[in-house]
Amino acid sequence: MAEDTRQYTDFYAQANKLICERSCEVMNASRAEALQTFSALGFPTKKVERYKYTDVAADLAPNYGIALTPLQMTGLPYCHRINEAPLDVTLYYNRLADKQDAVVALNTMLSVDALVIYVPRNTKVQHPIQISNVLKGEQDTMVNRRILIVLEQCAEADIVITDKAVDQSHFLTNQVIEVFAGDGSRLHLYEVEETHLLCTRYSSVFVQQGRDSQVHHTSFTLFNGHTRNRMDVSLQGEGSEVILNGCVIADKTQRVDNNTLIDHQVGKCQSNELYKYVLDDSAVGAFAGRILVREGAQKTISNETNANLCATSSARMYTQPMLEIYADDVKCSHGSTVGQISDDALFYMRQRGIPEQEARLLLKSAFITEVIETIPFEALRDRLHFLVDKRLRGELSKCEGCKLCK
């Protein structure tokens, strides 16, 4: 057993009984296997391809207190049901999550409760579902979150997940989301992070799509400390479509790593991916996006773009778009760019009386706008335009009375 994981295995040995008492049978059934995986693998190093840009051991080395207070205990994970239809959670929980990933295994070991959102067949949720996660407390704390989203045939829903931190403690969040999108279903899933420099966030999202389903996932990292987002999509039904978009604004010493996999398992599916980063000061960004087109997945259409703006010479961006194709009748493209603010554009704006600082802000905002405008939800679009403007002006990170940035 690696020394860097011992504090977690020791804690689990001591708290296992309490964890199981506060949780439920569905979740407890997976803990032993997760412990075995976590103990055998240890934290992934940078030699592991999907973690080459993130130092997991360093992020998880501090001695965090671990939150074990459940949301609600009713014999099953906390469940938001539309129309009160029944759901057998055992058919879905921990079915998509990567069982060979130690970070995911750690979540499975320690999660006490889960939020389940279930939309029965032919049901359209009229209003967006918002999940607000607020990190609060005087002690350094680790929070393990588990979310299960099940959309049956022809179901539709919009879900917005926000992360905020209101206290100046060190917070470590380890989140796992599993999404089952049934035939003909439609899901728009948005994640917005507005935490602070002392926060570390690991998020792993696993999506399985059926025939003619549509999933649109957009991730916004507006303020953070260290963030590592994993997104895995499995297109298992013909005619399915996925759109993955991401926006990162980082400065100071912030780090953001987005790692995605879109697996075209069958033919006649489409995927589109667009991630944009604006990096300032000594911020570090990373993007690795792999498109896998399996043998027999003919008529696949896939586009992947990663565009990055480094506003200073000390900002760093690592980008790795990848295409792996085993079919011959496909239309696939991928590309990435890393650049700085255009001197010509800056000169043009200053000639028209716009101060340099304001001109730089406007150019950064225009660069980000392409991602925001892909969101069909008008209220969220407007909110994100507002938040991005505040973030670029430094207002999100300079709250009155806050000592985090001193």
Protein backbone atom coordinates (compact mmCIF):
# COMPACT_ATOMS: atom_id res chain seq x y z
CA MET A 1 0.00 0.00 0.00
CA ALA A 2 1.37 3.42 -0.96
CA GLU A 3 2.09 5.80 1.92
CA ASP A 4 0.19 8.64 0.23
CA THR A 5 -3.07 6.70 0.51
CA ARG A 6 -2.59 5.33 4.03
CA GLN A 7 -4.44 8.16 5.81
CA TYR A 8 -7.54 7.32 3.79
CA THR A 9 -7.40 3.55 4.24
CA ASP A 10 -6.71 3.99 7.96
CA PHE A 11 -9.66 6.35 8.26
CA TYR A 12 -11.91 3.92 6.41
CA ALA A 13 -10.84 1.06 8.70
CA GLN A 14 -11.76 3.15 11.73
CA ALA A 15 -14.97 4.69 10.35
CA ASN A 16 -16.32 1.85 8.20
CA LYS A 17 -19.02 0.88 10.68
CA LEU A 18 -20.20 4.48 11.08
CA ILE A 19 -20.16 5.05 7.30
CA CYS A 20 -22.30 1.99 6.67
CA GLU A 21 -24.72 2.85 9.46
CA ARG A 22 -25.26 6.33 8.04
CA SER A 23 -25.56 5.13 4.46
CA CYS A 24 -27.72 2.53 2.72
CA GLU A 25 -27.41 -0.99 1.36
CA VAL A 26 -27.14 0.13 -2.26
CA MET A 27 -24.03 2.19 -1.56
CA ASN A 28 -22.52 -0.11 1.07
CA ALA A 29 -22.48 -3.03 -1.38
CA SER A 30 -19.76 -1.34 -3.46
CA ARG A 31 -17.39 -0.29 -0.69
CA ALA A 32 -15.31 -3.45 -0.30
CA GLU A 33 -14.44 -3.60 -4.01
CA ALA A 34 -13.63 0.13 -4.00
CA LEU A 35 -11.32 -0.27 -1.01
CA GLN A 36 -9.50 -3.13 -2.73
CA THR A 37 -9.04 -1.05 -5.90
CA PHE A 38 -7.91 2.04 -4.01
CA SER A 39 -5.43 0.07 -1.90
CA ALA A 40 -4.00 -1.76 -4.91
CA LEU A 41 -3.63 1.21 -7.26
CA GLY A 42 -2.78 4.10 -4.98
CA PHE A 43 -3.14 7.60 -6.33
CA PRO A 44 -2.48 7.86 -10.07
CA THR A 45 0.86 9.43 -10.94
CA LYS A 46 1.65 11.64 -13.91
CA LYS A 47 2.78 8.48 -15.73
CA VAL A 48 -0.90 7.54 -15.99
CA GLU A 49 -2.03 9.07 -19.29
CA ARG A 50 -5.27 10.57 -18.05
CA TYR A 51 -3.58 12.17 -15.04
CA LYS A 52 -0.38 13.42 -16.70
CA TYR A 53 -1.19 17.07 -15.97
CA THR A 54 -2.37 16.69 -12.35
CA ASP A 55 -0.45 15.82 -9.18
CA VAL A 56 -3.13 13.83 -7.37
CA ALA A 57 -0.96 12.80 -4.42
CA ALA A 58 -0.08 16.44 -3.67
CA ASP A 59 -3.71 17.55 -3.89
CA LEU A 60 -4.90 14.82 -1.52
CA ALA A 61 -1.92 14.83 0.83
CA PRO A 62 -3.27 17.30 3.45
CA ASN A 63 -4.99 15.80 6.46
CA TYR A 64 -8.59 16.80 5.77
CA GLY A 65 -11.47 16.12 8.06
CA ILE A 66 -14.00 13.99 6.15
CA ALA A 67 -17.66 14.95 6.16
CA LEU A 68 -19.93 11.98 6.98
CA THR A 69 -23.24 13.72 7.58
CA PRO A 70 -25.90 12.37 5.22
CA LEU A 71 -28.46 14.47 3.38
CA GLN A 72 -31.43 12.31 4.28
CA MET A 73 -31.71 8.70 5.31
CA THR A 74 -34.73 6.83 3.98
CA GLY A 75 -33.19 3.45 3.14
CA LEU A 76 -32.18 4.72 -0.32
CA PRO A 77 -30.01 7.59 -1.52
CA TYR A 78 -31.79 10.93 -1.46
CA CYS A 79 -34.03 10.84 -4.54
CA HIS A 80 -35.64 13.68 -6.49
CA ARG A 81 -38.40 11.91 -8.38
CA ILE A 82 -40.52 13.44 -11.09
CA ASN A 83 -44.17 12.29 -10.78
CA GLU A 84 -43.16 10.00 -7.89
CA ALA A 85 -42.45 7.09 -10.25
CA PRO A 86 -40.53 4.15 -8.70
CA LEU A 87 -36.88 3.52 -9.47
CA ASP A 88 -34.68 0.52 -8.69
CA VAL A 89 -31.43 2.32 -7.87
CA THR A 90 -29.45 -0.93 -7.82
CA LEU A 91 -29.72 -1.07 -11.62
CA TYR A 92 -27.81 2.20 -11.97
CA TYR A 93 -25.65 3.07 -8.97
CA ASN A 94 -21.91 2.54 -9.60
CA ARG A 95 -22.59 0.94 -13.01
CA LEU A 96 -20.86 3.59 -15.15
CA ALA A 97 -18.14 4.87 -12.82
CA ASP A 98 -14.61 3.74 -13.73
CA LYS A 99 -13.78 1.01 -11.23
CA GLN A 100 -10.07 1.20 -12.12
CA ASP A 101 -9.68 4.84 -11.15
CA ALA A 102 -8.42 5.29 -7.59
CA VAL A 103 -9.95 8.77 -7.21
CA VAL A 104 -13.37 7.39 -8.17
CA ALA A 105 -12.83 4.40 -5.87
CA LEU A 106 -12.08 6.78 -2.99
CA ASN A 107 -15.43 8.45 -3.58
CA THR A 108 -17.22 5.08 -3.63
CA MET A 109 -15.51 4.13 -0.36
CA LEU A 110 -16.40 7.28 1.53
CA SER A 111 -19.66 8.67 0.10
CA VAL A 112 -22.41 8.41 2.68
CA ASP A 113 -25.34 9.56 0.57
CA ALA A 114 -26.28 10.27 -3.03
CA LEU A 115 -28.60 12.59 -4.86
CA VAL A 116 -30.77 10.76 -7.40
CA ILE A 117 -32.65 12.64 -10.11
CA TYR A 118 -35.06 10.36 -11.95
CA VAL A 119 -37.21 11.46 -14.90
CA PRO A 120 -39.66 8.76 -16.09
CA ARG A 121 -40.34 8.08 -19.75
CA ASN A 122 -42.12 10.73 -21.82
CA THR A 123 -41.79 13.26 -18.99
CA LYS A 124 -40.52 16.78 -19.68
CA VAL A 125 -39.38 18.72 -16.62
CA GLN A 126 -40.78 22.22 -17.14
CA HIS A 127 -38.28 24.14 -15.03
CA PRO A 128 -34.51 23.71 -14.55
CA ILE A 129 -33.39 21.70 -11.54
CA GLN A 130 -30.69 23.57 -9.61
CA ILE A 131 -28.28 21.84 -7.24
CA SER A 132 -26.34 24.30 -5.07
CA ASN A 133 -23.29 22.97 -3.25
CA VAL A 134 -22.03 25.34 -0.56
CA LEU A 135 -18.74 24.62 1.22
CA LYS A 136 -18.81 26.05 4.73
CA GLY A 137 -16.88 25.34 7.91
CA GLU A 138 -13.97 26.38 10.07
CA GLN A 139 -12.02 23.14 9.62
CA ASP A 140 -10.23 21.84 6.53
CA THR A 141 -12.73 19.38 5.09
CA MET A 142 -13.06 16.71 2.41
CA VAL A 143 -16.51 16.26 0.87
CA ASN A 144 -17.43 13.21 -1.23
CA ARG A 145 -20.45 13.82 -3.43
CA ARG A 146 -22.37 11.28 -5.47
CA ILE A 147 -25.05 12.15 -8.03
CA LEU A 148 -27.09 9.75 -10.15
CA ILE A 149 -29.19 11.07 -13.05
CA VAL A 150 -31.58 8.72 -14.85
CA LEU A 151 -33.65 9.86 -17.83
CA GLU A 152 -35.88 7.18 -19.27
CA GLN A 153 -37.11 7.02 -22.87
CA CYS A 154 -38.04 10.46 -24.32
CA ALA A 155 -37.56 12.20 -20.95
CA GLU A 156 -36.21 15.78 -20.88
CA ALA A 157 -34.53 17.85 -18.17
CA ASP A 158 -32.22 20.81 -17.55
CA ILE A 159 -29.92 20.54 -14.52
CA VAL A 160 -27.62 23.25 -13.15
CA ILE A 161 -24.98 22.35 -10.54
CA THR A 162 -23.16 25.18 -8.77
CA ASP A 163 -20.20 25.01 -6.40
CA LYS A 164 -19.50 27.84 -3.95
CA ALA A 165 -17.32 28.27 -0.85
CA VAL A 166 -18.17 30.80 1.84
CA ASP A 167 -15.44 30.14 4.42
CA GLN A 168 -11.66 30.38 4.16
CA SER A 169 -10.86 26.79 5.10
CA HIS A 170 -9.18 24.34 2.76
CA PHE A 171 -11.87 22.28 1.04
CA LEU A 172 -11.38 19.15 -1.03
CA THR A 173 -14.35 17.99 -3.11
CA ASN A 174 -14.41 14.56 -4.76
CA GLN A 175 -17.50 14.25 -6.92
CA VAL A 176 -18.80 11.41 -9.09
CA ILE A 177 -21.81 11.84 -11.41
CA GLU A 178 -23.39 8.98 -13.36
CA VAL A 179 -25.85 9.83 -16.16
CA PHE A 180 -28.13 7.38 -17.97
CA ALA A 181 -29.78 9.02 -20.98
CA GLY A 182 -32.41 6.66 -22.40
CA ASP A 183 -33.59 6.41 -26.01
CA GLY A 184 -34.88 9.72 -27.31
CA SER A 185 -34.09 11.58 -24.08
CA ARG A 186 -32.65 15.09 -23.84
CA LEU A 187 -30.46 16.41 -21.03
CA HIS A 188 -28.76 19.77 -20.60
CA LEU A 189 -26.30 19.56 -17.69
CA TYR A 190 -24.37 22.63 -16.53
CA GLU A 191 -21.63 22.86 -13.89
CA VAL A 192 -20.46 26.23 -12.57
CA GLU A 193 -17.58 26.52 -10.08
CA GLU A 194 -17.10 29.69 -8.05
CA THR A 195 -15.00 28.66 -5.05
CA HIS A 196 -11.66 30.13 -3.96
CA LEU A 197 -7.91 29.63 -4.00
CA LEU A 198 -7.92 27.18 -1.08
CA CYS A 199 -10.33 24.77 -2.78
CA THR A 200 -9.42 21.59 -4.63
CA ARG A 201 -12.08 19.97 -6.80
CA TYR A 202 -12.10 16.57 -8.50
CA SER A 203 -15.16 15.82 -10.60
CA SER A 204 -15.75 12.65 -12.64
CA VAL A 205 -18.81 12.52 -14.90
CA PHE A 206 -19.82 9.31 -16.70
CA VAL A 207 -22.56 9.38 -19.35
CA GLN A 208 -24.26 6.54 -21.22
CA GLN A 209 -26.53 7.48 -24.14
CA GLY A 210 -29.20 5.46 -25.87
CA ARG A 211 -30.61 5.72 -29.39
CA ASP A 212 -31.48 9.25 -30.62
CA SER A 213 -30.61 10.78 -27.24
CA GLN A 214 -29.09 14.24 -26.81
CA VAL A 215 -26.78 15.32 -24.01
CA HIS A 216 -25.38 18.84 -23.76
CA HIS A 217 -22.81 19.31 -20.96
CA THR A 218 -21.18 22.66 -20.22
CA SER A 219 -18.55 23.25 -17.54
CA PHE A 220 -17.57 26.72 -16.27
CA THR A 221 -14.59 27.19 -13.95
CA LEU A 222 -14.83 30.84 -12.96
CA PHE A 223 -12.83 30.84 -9.74
CA ASN A 224 -11.02 28.01 -7.98
CA GLY A 225 -7.79 26.71 -6.51
CA HIS A 226 -6.97 23.37 -8.18
CA THR A 227 -9.61 21.72 -10.38
CA ARG A 228 -9.56 18.44 -12.26
CA ASN A 229 -12.63 17.55 -14.32
CA ARG A 230 -13.07 14.18 -16.03
CA MET A 231 -15.84 13.63 -18.57
CA ASP A 232 -16.52 10.22 -20.17
CA VAL A 233 -19.34 9.76 -22.69
CA SER A 234 -20.38 6.42 -24.19
CA LEU A 235 -22.58 6.68 -27.30
CA GLN A 236 -24.31 3.30 -27.37
CA GLY A 237 -27.38 3.98 -29.51
CA GLU A 238 -27.49 5.05 -33.15
CA GLY A 239 -28.51 8.64 -33.78
CA SER A 240 -27.28 9.87 -30.39
CA GLU A 241 -25.59 13.26 -30.07
CA VAL A 242 -23.37 14.81 -27.41
CA ILE A 243 -22.11 18.37 -27.06
CA LEU A 244 -19.32 19.07 -24.58
CA ASN A 245 -18.39 22.68 -23.92
CA GLY A 246 -16.08 24.18 -21.34
CA CYS A 247 -14.90 27.59 -20.21
CA VAL A 248 -11.99 28.31 -17.88
CA ILE A 249 -10.91 31.66 -16.46
CA ALA A 250 -7.85 31.34 -14.25
CA ASP A 251 -5.20 33.65 -12.81
CA LYS A 252 -2.85 33.85 -9.83
CA THR A 253 -1.63 30.25 -9.23
CA GLN A 254 -4.86 28.48 -10.17
CA ARG A 255 -4.75 25.18 -12.05
CA VAL A 256 -7.51 23.64 -14.18
CA ASP A 257 -7.30 20.27 -15.94
CA ASN A 258 -10.14 19.06 -18.17
CA ASN A 259 -9.87 15.50 -19.44
CA THR A 260 -12.56 14.12 -21.76
CA LEU A 261 -13.37 10.91 -23.62
CA ILE A 262 -16.13 10.51 -26.21
CA ASP A 263 -16.56 6.86 -27.18
CA HIS A 264 -18.46 6.34 -30.45
CA GLN A 265 -19.46 2.69 -30.05
CA VAL A 266 -22.07 2.60 -32.83
CA GLY A 267 -22.65 4.39 -36.10
CA LYS A 268 -24.65 7.49 -37.08
CA CYS A 269 -23.75 9.45 -33.94
CA GLN A 270 -22.46 13.01 -33.58
CA SER A 271 -20.20 14.72 -31.10
CA ASN A 272 -19.08 18.33 -30.84
CA GLU A 273 -16.57 19.59 -28.30
CA LEU A 274 -15.42 23.15 -27.58
CA TYR A 275 -13.23 24.16 -24.63
CA LYS A 276 -11.81 27.66 -24.16
CA TYR A 277 -9.32 28.89 -21.56
CA VAL A 278 -8.29 32.41 -20.54
CA LEU A 279 -5.16 32.23 -18.40
CA ASP A 280 -3.51 35.14 -16.59
CA ASP A 281 -0.65 35.61 -14.13
CA SER A 282 0.94 32.19 -13.39
CA ALA A 283 -2.18 30.09 -13.96
CA VAL A 284 -1.82 26.63 -15.51
CA GLY A 285 -4.38 25.02 -17.77
CA ALA A 286 -4.58 21.56 -19.32
CA PHE A 287 -6.93 19.97 -21.80
CA ALA A 288 -6.83 16.40 -23.07
CA GLY A 289 -9.72 15.31 -25.24
CA ARG A 290 -9.89 11.88 -26.84
CA ILE A 291 -12.40 10.95 -29.52
CA LEU A 292 -12.64 7.18 -30.01
CA VAL A 293 -14.49 5.88 -33.09
CA ARG A 294 -14.79 2.12 -32.82
CA GLU A 295 -14.81 -0.40 -35.62
CA GLY A 296 -18.21 -0.43 -37.30
CA ALA A 297 -19.17 3.06 -36.08
CA GLN A 298 -19.73 4.30 -39.63
CA LYS A 299 -21.30 7.68 -40.47
CA THR A 300 -19.77 9.20 -37.33
CA ILE A 301 -19.50 12.99 -37.28
CA SER A 302 -17.17 14.50 -34.69
CA ASN A 303 -15.57 17.91 -34.15
CA GLU A 304 -13.22 18.88 -31.33
CA THR A 305 -11.71 22.31 -30.67
CA ASN A 306 -9.59 23.64 -27.83
CA ALA A 307 -8.73 27.36 -28.03
CA ASN A 308 -6.62 29.09 -25.40
CA LEU A 309 -5.63 32.64 -24.57
CA CYS A 310 -2.54 33.18 -22.41
CA ALA A 311 -2.63 36.81 -21.28
CA THR A 312 0.85 36.71 -19.71
CA SER A 313 4.16 35.08 -20.55
CA SER A 314 4.11 33.17 -17.24
CA ALA A 315 0.74 31.47 -17.87
CA ARG A 316 0.99 27.88 -19.13
CA MET A 317 -1.35 25.78 -21.25
CA TYR A 318 -0.99 22.08 -22.10
CA THR A 319 -3.30 20.87 -24.84
CA GLN A 320 -3.75 17.39 -26.30
CA PRO A 321 -6.69 16.80 -28.67
CA MET A 322 -6.78 13.20 -29.89
CA LEU A 323 -8.59 11.24 -32.61
CA GLU A 324 -8.56 7.44 -32.62
CA ILE A 325 -10.54 6.07 -35.57
CA TYR A 326 -11.22 2.45 -36.54
CA ALA A 327 -13.96 3.12 -39.14
CA ASP A 328 -13.53 4.45 -42.67
CA ASP A 329 -16.80 6.30 -43.41
CA VAL A 330 -16.54 9.18 -40.91
CA LYS A 331 -16.19 12.97 -40.77
CA CYS A 332 -13.92 13.87 -37.88
CA SER A 333 -11.76 16.88 -37.08
CA HIS A 334 -9.80 18.17 -34.14
CA GLY A 335 -7.53 21.09 -33.39
CA SER A 336 -6.10 23.37 -30.75
CA THR A 337 -4.61 26.87 -30.57
CA VAL A 338 -2.64 28.71 -27.91
CA GLY A 339 -2.12 32.42 -28.38
CA GLN A 340 -1.90 35.82 -26.75
CA ILE A 341 -4.03 38.94 -27.02
CA SER A 342 -3.71 40.37 -30.52
CA ASP A 343 -1.60 43.53 -30.61
CA ASP A 344 -3.46 44.67 -33.72
CA ALA A 345 -6.85 44.32 -32.06
CA LEU A 346 -5.58 46.08 -28.96
CA PHE A 347 -4.14 48.92 -31.05
CA TYR A 348 -7.39 49.24 -33.00
CA MET A 349 -9.46 49.57 -29.83
CA ARG A 350 -7.07 52.02 -28.16
CA GLN A 351 -7.17 54.23 -31.25
CA ARG A 352 -10.90 54.54 -30.66
CA GLY A 353 -10.45 55.83 -27.15
CA ILE A 354 -10.82 52.60 -25.18
CA PRO A 355 -8.32 52.41 -22.29
CA GLU A 356 -5.88 49.51 -22.55
CA GLN A 357 -7.15 47.67 -19.46
CA GLU A 358 -10.75 47.89 -20.67
CA ALA A 359 -9.73 46.81 -24.18
CA ARG A 360 -7.99 43.72 -22.80
CA LEU A 361 -11.07 42.88 -20.75
CA LEU A 362 -13.35 43.22 -23.78
CA LEU A 363 -11.12 40.98 -25.89
CA LYS A 364 -11.08 38.30 -23.20
CA SER A 365 -14.85 38.50 -22.81
CA ALA A 366 -15.40 38.20 -26.56
CA PHE A 367 -13.15 35.13 -26.60
CA ILE A 368 -15.34 33.44 -23.96
CA THR A 369 -18.67 34.47 -25.47
CA GLU A 370 -18.66 31.66 -28.05
CA VAL A 371 -19.02 29.08 -25.28
CA ILE A 372 -21.75 30.96 -23.42
CA GLU A 373 -23.79 31.42 -26.58
CA THR A 374 -24.04 27.65 -27.09
CA ILE A 375 -26.36 27.50 -24.06
CA PRO A 376 -30.03 27.48 -25.11
CA PHE A 377 -31.20 28.38 -21.57
CA GLU A 378 -31.52 32.20 -21.76
CA ALA A 379 -31.59 32.92 -18.03
CA LEU A 380 -28.39 30.95 -17.49
CA ARG A 381 -26.76 32.62 -20.51
CA ASP A 382 -27.45 36.04 -19.08
CA ARG A 383 -26.22 35.01 -15.65
CA LEU A 384 -22.97 33.65 -17.07
CA HIS A 385 -22.33 36.79 -19.12
CA PHE A 386 -22.74 38.74 -15.87
CA LEU A 387 -20.46 36.42 -13.88
CA VAL A 388 -17.76 36.35 -16.56
CA ASP A 389 -17.70 40.15 -16.68
CA LYS A 390 -17.36 40.33 -12.88
CA ARG A 391 -14.69 37.64 -12.92
CA LEU A 392 -12.58 39.36 -15.58
CA ARG A 393 -12.82 42.60 -13.61
CA GLY A 394 -11.57 40.77 -10.51
CA GLU A 395 -14.79 41.26 -8.58
CA LEU A 396 -15.51 37.59 -7.86
CA SER A 397 -12.19 37.21 -6.06
CA LYS A 398 -12.33 40.44 -4.02
CA CYS A 399 -15.31 40.07 -1.75
CA GLU A 400 -15.66 42.60 1.05
CA GLY A 401 -13.89 41.49 4.20
CA CYS A 402 -12.41 38.39 2.54
CA LYS A 403 -8.91 37.38 3.66
CA LEU A 404 -8.41 34.58 1.17
CA CYS A 405 -6.29 36.53 -1.31
CA LYS A 406 -4.12 38.40 1.21
